[in-house]
All heavy atoms as atom14 arrays in JSON, in Angstrom:
{
  "sequence": "GDRLVVLCRPGFEGDCAAELAQRAAEVGAWG",
  "atom14_mask": [
    [1, 1, 1, 1, 0, 0, 0, 0, 0, 0, 0, 0, 0, 0],
    [1, 1, 1, 1, 1, 1, 1, 1, 0, 0, 0, 0, 0, 0],
    [1, 1, 1, 1, 1, 1, 1, 1, 1, 1, 1, 0, 0, 0],
    [1, 1, 1, 1, 1, 1, 1, 1, 0, 0, 0, 0, 0, 0],
    [1, 1, 1, 1, 1, 1, 1, 0, 0, 0, 0, 0, 0, 0],
    [1, 1, 1, 1, 1, 1, 1, 0, 0, 0, 0, 0, 0, 0],
    [1, 1, 1, 1, 1, 1, 1, 1, 0, 0, 0, 0, 0, 0],
    [1, 1, 1, 1, 1, 1, 0, 0, 0, 0, 0, 0, 0, 0],
    [1, 1, 1, 1, 1, 1, 1, 1, 1, 1, 1, 0, 0, 0],
    [1, 1, 1, 1, 1, 1, 1, 0, 0, 0, 0, 0, 0, 0],
    [1, 1, 1, 1, 0, 0, 0, 0, 0, 0, 0, 0, 0, 0],
    [1, 1, 1, 1, 1, 1, 1, 1, 1, 1, 1, 0, 0, 0],
    [1, 1, 1, 1, 1, 1, 1, 1, 1, 0, 0, 0, 0, 0],
    [1, 1, 1, 1, 0, 0, 0, 0, 0, 0, 0, 0, 0, 0],
    [1, 1, 1, 1, 1, 1, 1, 1, 0, 0, 0, 0, 0, 0],
    [1, 1, 1, 1, 1, 1, 0, 0, 0, 0, 0, 0, 0, 0],
    [1, 1, 1, 1, 1, 0, 0, 0, 0, 0, 0, 0, 0, 0],
    [1, 1, 1, 1, 1, 0, 0, 0, 0, 0, 0, 0, 0, 0],
    [1, 1, 1, 1, 1, 1, 1, 1, 1, 0, 0, 0, 0, 0],
    [1, 1, 1, 1, 1, 1, 1, 1, 0, 0, 0, 0, 0, 0],
    [1, 1, 1, 1, 1, 0, 0, 0, 0, 0, 0, 0, 0, 0],
    [1, 1, 1, 1, 1, 1, 1, 1, 1, 0, 0, 0, 0, 0],
    [1, 1, 1, 1, 1, 1, 1, 1, 1, 1, 1, 0, 0, 0],
    [1, 1, 1, 1, 1, 0, 0, 0, 0, 0, 0, 0, 0, 0],
    [1, 1, 1, 1, 1, 0, 0, 0, 0, 0, 0, 0, 0, 0],
    [1, 1, 1, 1, 1, 1, 1, 1, 1, 0, 0, 0, 0, 0],
    [1, 1, 1, 1, 1, 1, 1, 0, 0, 0, 0, 0, 0, 0],
    [1, 1, 1, 1, 0, 0, 0, 0, 0, 0, 0, 0, 0, 0],
    [1, 1, 1, 1, 1, 0, 0, 0, 0, 0, 0, 0, 0, 0],
    [1, 1, 1, 1, 1, 1, 1, 1, 1, 1, 1, 1, 1, 1],
    [1, 1, 1, 1, 0, 0, 0, 0, 0, 0, 0, 0, 0, 0]
  ],
  "atom14_positions": [
    [[79.51, 54.59, 10.21], [80.64, 53.7, 10.17], [81.41, 53.7, 11.44], [82.15, 54.62, 11.82], [0.0, 0.0, 0.0], [0.0, 0.0, 0.0], [0.0, 0.0, 0.0], [0.0, 0.0, 0.0], [0.0, 0.0, 0.0], [0.0, 0.0, 0.0], [0.0, 0.0, 0.0], [0.0, 0.0, 0.0], [0.0, 0.0, 0.0], [0.0, 0.0, 0.0]],
    [[81.12, 52.71, 12.27], [81.85, 52.54, 13.48], [82.72, 51.12, 13.52], [83.3, 50.83, 14.52], [80.9, 52.56, 14.67], [79.95, 51.41, 14.71], [79.76, 50.68, 13.66], [79.34, 51.19, 15.78], [0.0, 0.0, 0.0], [0.0, 0.0, 0.0], [0.0, 0.0, 0.0], [0.0, 0.0, 0.0], [0.0, 0.0, 0.0], [0.0, 0.0, 0.0]],
    [[82.67, 50.5, 12.33], [83.41, 49.15, 12.29], [83.76, 48.82, 10.89], [83.28, 49.55, 9.95], [82.37, 48.12, 12.75], [81.24, 47.8, 11.79], [80.11, 47.19, 12.53], [79.41, 48.05, 13.54], [78.46, 47.6, 14.4], [78.1, 46.48, 14.46], [77.98, 48.44, 15.12], [0.0, 0.0, 0.0], [0.0, 0.0, 0.0], [0.0, 0.0, 0.0]],
    [[84.58, 47.89, 10.76], [84.93, 47.26, 9.5], [84.15, 45.91, 9.48], [84.18, 45.15, 10.37], [86.33, 46.98, 9.33], [87.31, 48.25, 9.22], [88.77, 47.86, 9.11], [86.87, 49.1, 7.95], [0.0, 0.0, 0.0], [0.0, 0.0, 0.0], [0.0, 0.0, 0.0], [0.0, 0.0, 0.0], [0.0, 0.0, 0.0], [0.0, 0.0, 0.0]],
    [[83.38, 45.76, 8.35], [82.83, 44.37, 8.14], [83.78, 43.75, 7.12], [84.14, 44.22, 6.05], [81.45, 44.47, 7.54], [80.92, 43.13, 7.15], [80.51, 45.13, 8.54], [0.0, 0.0, 0.0], [0.0, 0.0, 0.0], [0.0, 0.0, 0.0], [0.0, 0.0, 0.0], [0.0, 0.0, 0.0], [0.0, 0.0, 0.0], [0.0, 0.0, 0.0]],
    [[84.26, 42.51, 7.57], [85.41, 41.95, 6.88], [84.97, 40.43, 6.48], [84.38, 39.8, 7.29], [86.61, 41.82, 7.75], [87.86, 41.37, 6.79], [87.1, 43.32, 8.23], [0.0, 0.0, 0.0], [0.0, 0.0, 0.0], [0.0, 0.0, 0.0], [0.0, 0.0, 0.0], [0.0, 0.0, 0.0], [0.0, 0.0, 0.0], [0.0, 0.0, 0.0]],
    [[85.2, 40.12, 5.22], [84.92, 38.74, 4.75], [86.22, 38.01, 4.41], [87.17, 38.63, 3.81], [84.17, 38.81, 3.4], [82.71, 39.65, 3.5], [82.01, 39.54, 2.17], [81.86, 39.02, 4.74], [0.0, 0.0, 0.0], [0.0, 0.0, 0.0], [0.0, 0.0, 0.0], [0.0, 0.0, 0.0], [0.0, 0.0, 0.0], [0.0, 0.0, 0.0]],
    [[86.21, 36.78, 4.81], [87.53, 36.0, 4.66], [87.19, 34.58, 4.43], [85.91, 34.29, 4.35], [88.41, 36.12, 5.91], [87.77, 35.38, 7.5], [0.0, 0.0, 0.0], [0.0, 0.0, 0.0], [0.0, 0.0, 0.0], [0.0, 0.0, 0.0], [0.0, 0.0, 0.0], [0.0, 0.0, 0.0], [0.0, 0.0, 0.0], [0.0, 0.0, 0.0]],
    [[88.14, 33.76, 4.27], [87.95, 32.33, 4.07], [87.37, 31.68, 5.42], [88.03, 31.96, 6.46], [89.2, 31.56, 3.63], [88.98, 29.98, 3.33], [90.34, 29.48, 2.89], [90.02, 27.99, 2.5], [89.58, 27.64, 1.38], [89.35, 28.48, 0.38], [89.45, 26.36, 1.09], [0.0, 0.0, 0.0], [0.0, 0.0, 0.0], [0.0, 0.0, 0.0]],
    [[86.37, 30.91, 5.35], [85.8, 30.29, 6.6], [86.88, 29.42, 7.28], [87.7, 28.79, 6.72], [84.72, 29.47, 6.13], [84.28, 30.14, 4.92], [85.45, 30.52, 4.27], [0.0, 0.0, 0.0], [0.0, 0.0, 0.0], [0.0, 0.0, 0.0], [0.0, 0.0, 0.0], [0.0, 0.0, 0.0], [0.0, 0.0, 0.0], [0.0, 0.0, 0.0]],
    [[87.06, 29.61, 8.56], [88.11, 28.98, 9.38], [89.28, 29.84, 9.62], [90.09, 29.48, 10.4], [0.0, 0.0, 0.0], [0.0, 0.0, 0.0], [0.0, 0.0, 0.0], [0.0, 0.0, 0.0], [0.0, 0.0, 0.0], [0.0, 0.0, 0.0], [0.0, 0.0, 0.0], [0.0, 0.0, 0.0], [0.0, 0.0, 0.0], [0.0, 0.0, 0.0]],
    [[89.36, 31.12, 8.91], [90.46, 31.94, 9.13], [90.11, 33.25, 9.73], [90.71, 34.27, 9.75], [91.17, 32.2, 7.76], [91.97, 31.03, 7.24], [91.36, 29.9, 6.66], [93.36, 31.15, 7.19], [92.11, 28.85, 6.17], [94.14, 30.11, 6.83], [93.53, 29.05, 6.23], [0.0, 0.0, 0.0], [0.0, 0.0, 0.0], [0.0, 0.0, 0.0]],
    [[88.96, 33.2, 10.53], [88.54, 34.42, 11.19], [89.53, 34.96, 12.19], [89.81, 36.18, 12.26], [87.2, 34.2, 11.83], [86.0, 33.88, 10.87], [86.06, 32.39, 10.49], [86.8, 31.53, 11.08], [85.23, 31.97, 9.64], [0.0, 0.0, 0.0], [0.0, 0.0, 0.0], [0.0, 0.0, 0.0], [0.0, 0.0, 0.0], [0.0, 0.0, 0.0]],
    [[90.09, 34.02, 13.03], [91.01, 34.42, 14.02], [92.3, 35.02, 13.37], [92.85, 35.96, 13.98], [0.0, 0.0, 0.0], [0.0, 0.0, 0.0], [0.0, 0.0, 0.0], [0.0, 0.0, 0.0], [0.0, 0.0, 0.0], [0.0, 0.0, 0.0], [0.0, 0.0, 0.0], [0.0, 0.0, 0.0], [0.0, 0.0, 0.0], [0.0, 0.0, 0.0]],
    [[92.78, 34.41, 12.3], [94.02, 34.81, 11.6], [93.79, 36.28, 11.06], [94.7, 37.08, 11.03], [94.41, 33.88, 10.58], [94.51, 32.45, 11.11], [95.36, 32.18, 11.84], [93.71, 31.67, 10.74], [0.0, 0.0, 0.0], [0.0, 0.0, 0.0], [0.0, 0.0, 0.0], [0.0, 0.0, 0.0], [0.0, 0.0, 0.0], [0.0, 0.0, 0.0]],
    [[92.54, 36.38, 10.54], [92.13, 37.72, 9.88], [92.17, 38.77, 11.1], [92.57, 39.86, 10.88], [90.84, 37.57, 9.3], [90.4, 38.97, 8.26], [0.0, 0.0, 0.0], [0.0, 0.0, 0.0], [0.0, 0.0, 0.0], [0.0, 0.0, 0.0], [0.0, 0.0, 0.0], [0.0, 0.0, 0.0], [0.0, 0.0, 0.0], [0.0, 0.0, 0.0]],
    [[91.54, 38.44, 12.18], [91.5, 39.31, 13.32], [92.9, 39.76, 13.87], [93.24, 40.98, 14.17], [90.67, 38.68, 14.45], [0.0, 0.0, 0.0], [0.0, 0.0, 0.0], [0.0, 0.0, 0.0], [0.0, 0.0, 0.0], [0.0, 0.0, 0.0], [0.0, 0.0, 0.0], [0.0, 0.0, 0.0], [0.0, 0.0, 0.0], [0.0, 0.0, 0.0]],
    [[93.9, 38.77, 13.79], [95.25, 38.99, 14.3], [95.89, 39.96, 13.22], [96.61, 40.91, 13.69], [95.94, 37.78, 14.4], [0.0, 0.0, 0.0], [0.0, 0.0, 0.0], [0.0, 0.0, 0.0], [0.0, 0.0, 0.0], [0.0, 0.0, 0.0], [0.0, 0.0, 0.0], [0.0, 0.0, 0.0], [0.0, 0.0, 0.0], [0.0, 0.0, 0.0]],
    [[95.57, 39.82, 12.01], [96.19, 40.78, 11.0], [95.74, 42.03, 11.16], [96.37, 43.13, 11.13], [95.89, 40.2, 9.7], [96.31, 41.16, 8.53], [96.07, 40.66, 7.08], [95.52, 39.5, 6.99], [96.22, 41.42, 6.19], [0.0, 0.0, 0.0], [0.0, 0.0, 0.0], [0.0, 0.0, 0.0], [0.0, 0.0, 0.0], [0.0, 0.0, 0.0]],
    [[94.39, 42.28, 11.34], [93.71, 43.59, 11.52], [94.26, 44.26, 12.71], [94.58, 45.56, 12.71], [92.22, 43.44, 11.56], [91.59, 42.85, 10.34], [90.09, 42.66, 10.64], [91.74, 43.9, 9.13], [0.0, 0.0, 0.0], [0.0, 0.0, 0.0], [0.0, 0.0, 0.0], [0.0, 0.0, 0.0], [0.0, 0.0, 0.0], [0.0, 0.0, 0.0]],
    [[94.47, 43.56, 13.9], [94.97, 44.2, 15.07], [96.45, 44.69, 14.86], [96.73, 45.82, 15.32], [94.9, 43.19, 16.18], [0.0, 0.0, 0.0], [0.0, 0.0, 0.0], [0.0, 0.0, 0.0], [0.0, 0.0, 0.0], [0.0, 0.0, 0.0], [0.0, 0.0, 0.0], [0.0, 0.0, 0.0], [0.0, 0.0, 0.0], [0.0, 0.0, 0.0]],
    [[97.21, 43.92, 14.19], [98.64, 44.39, 13.92], [98.6, 45.52, 12.93], [99.35, 46.4, 13.09], [99.48, 43.25, 13.37], [100.92, 43.63, 13.11], [101.76, 42.55, 12.77], [101.66, 41.46, 13.39], [102.62, 42.63, 11.84], [0.0, 0.0, 0.0], [0.0, 0.0, 0.0], [0.0, 0.0, 0.0], [0.0, 0.0, 0.0], [0.0, 0.0, 0.0]],
    [[97.84, 45.58, 11.93], [97.75, 46.61, 11.03], [97.33, 47.84, 11.69], [97.82, 49.05, 11.45], [96.71, 46.35, 9.88], [97.19, 45.32, 8.88], [96.16, 44.96, 7.82], [96.73, 44.07, 6.7], [97.38, 44.63, 5.63], [97.41, 45.93, 5.51], [97.79, 43.83, 4.74], [0.0, 0.0, 0.0], [0.0, 0.0, 0.0], [0.0, 0.0, 0.0]],
    [[96.36, 47.85, 12.59], [95.88, 48.97, 13.28], [96.97, 49.58, 14.27], [97.29, 50.7, 14.21], [94.69, 48.64, 14.19], [0.0, 0.0, 0.0], [0.0, 0.0, 0.0], [0.0, 0.0, 0.0], [0.0, 0.0, 0.0], [0.0, 0.0, 0.0], [0.0, 0.0, 0.0], [0.0, 0.0, 0.0], [0.0, 0.0, 0.0], [0.0, 0.0, 0.0]],
    [[97.74, 48.62, 14.88], [98.84, 49.1, 15.7], [99.83, 49.83, 14.95], [100.52, 50.79, 15.41], [99.31, 47.94, 16.48], [0.0, 0.0, 0.0], [0.0, 0.0, 0.0], [0.0, 0.0, 0.0], [0.0, 0.0, 0.0], [0.0, 0.0, 0.0], [0.0, 0.0, 0.0], [0.0, 0.0, 0.0], [0.0, 0.0, 0.0], [0.0, 0.0, 0.0]],
    [[100.1, 49.34, 13.69], [101.17, 49.9, 12.92], [100.9, 51.36, 12.5], [101.8, 52.04, 12.1], [101.38, 49.0, 11.73], [102.14, 47.73, 12.04], [102.24, 46.75, 10.97], [101.64, 47.12, 9.78], [102.86, 45.73, 11.0], [0.0, 0.0, 0.0], [0.0, 0.0, 0.0], [0.0, 0.0, 0.0], [0.0, 0.0, 0.0], [0.0, 0.0, 0.0]],
    [[99.59, 51.79, 12.48], [99.17, 53.16, 12.09], [98.73, 53.97, 13.21], [98.15, 54.95, 13.12], [98.2, 53.14, 10.9], [98.62, 52.47, 9.73], [96.89, 52.45, 11.5], [0.0, 0.0, 0.0], [0.0, 0.0, 0.0], [0.0, 0.0, 0.0], [0.0, 0.0, 0.0], [0.0, 0.0, 0.0], [0.0, 0.0, 0.0], [0.0, 0.0, 0.0]],
    [[98.97, 53.46, 14.51], [98.8, 54.2, 15.66], [97.44, 54.02, 16.11], [96.85, 54.9, 16.91], [0.0, 0.0, 0.0], [0.0, 0.0, 0.0], [0.0, 0.0, 0.0], [0.0, 0.0, 0.0], [0.0, 0.0, 0.0], [0.0, 0.0, 0.0], [0.0, 0.0, 0.0], [0.0, 0.0, 0.0], [0.0, 0.0, 0.0], [0.0, 0.0, 0.0]],
    [[96.64, 53.05, 15.75], [95.15, 52.8, 16.04], [95.13, 51.61, 16.96], [96.2, 51.0, 17.18], [94.28, 52.67, 14.91], [0.0, 0.0, 0.0], [0.0, 0.0, 0.0], [0.0, 0.0, 0.0], [0.0, 0.0, 0.0], [0.0, 0.0, 0.0], [0.0, 0.0, 0.0], [0.0, 0.0, 0.0], [0.0, 0.0, 0.0], [0.0, 0.0, 0.0]],
    [[93.97, 51.2, 17.44], [93.85, 49.98, 18.16], [92.36, 49.45, 17.74], [91.61, 50.09, 17.04], [93.93, 50.3, 19.73], [93.01, 51.23, 20.17], [91.72, 50.92, 20.83], [93.04, 52.71, 20.27], [91.06, 51.95, 21.15], [91.82, 53.16, 20.87], [93.94, 53.59, 19.84], [91.59, 54.6, 21.09], [93.73, 54.9, 20.04], [92.54, 55.39, 20.61]],
    [[91.98, 48.39, 18.39], [90.78, 47.93, 18.06], [90.63, 46.56, 18.57], [91.46, 45.77, 19.1], [0.0, 0.0, 0.0], [0.0, 0.0, 0.0], [0.0, 0.0, 0.0], [0.0, 0.0, 0.0], [0.0, 0.0, 0.0], [0.0, 0.0, 0.0], [0.0, 0.0, 0.0], [0.0, 0.0, 0.0], [0.0, 0.0, 0.0], [0.0, 0.0, 0.0]]
  ]
}
């Protein structure tokens, strides 16, 4: 496990990535 494989609505990949980056930052991680 070195990654998250994430499924979302087609066309919302960038929005999903932005959410994941912010969620990571909020718990002291990055990615």
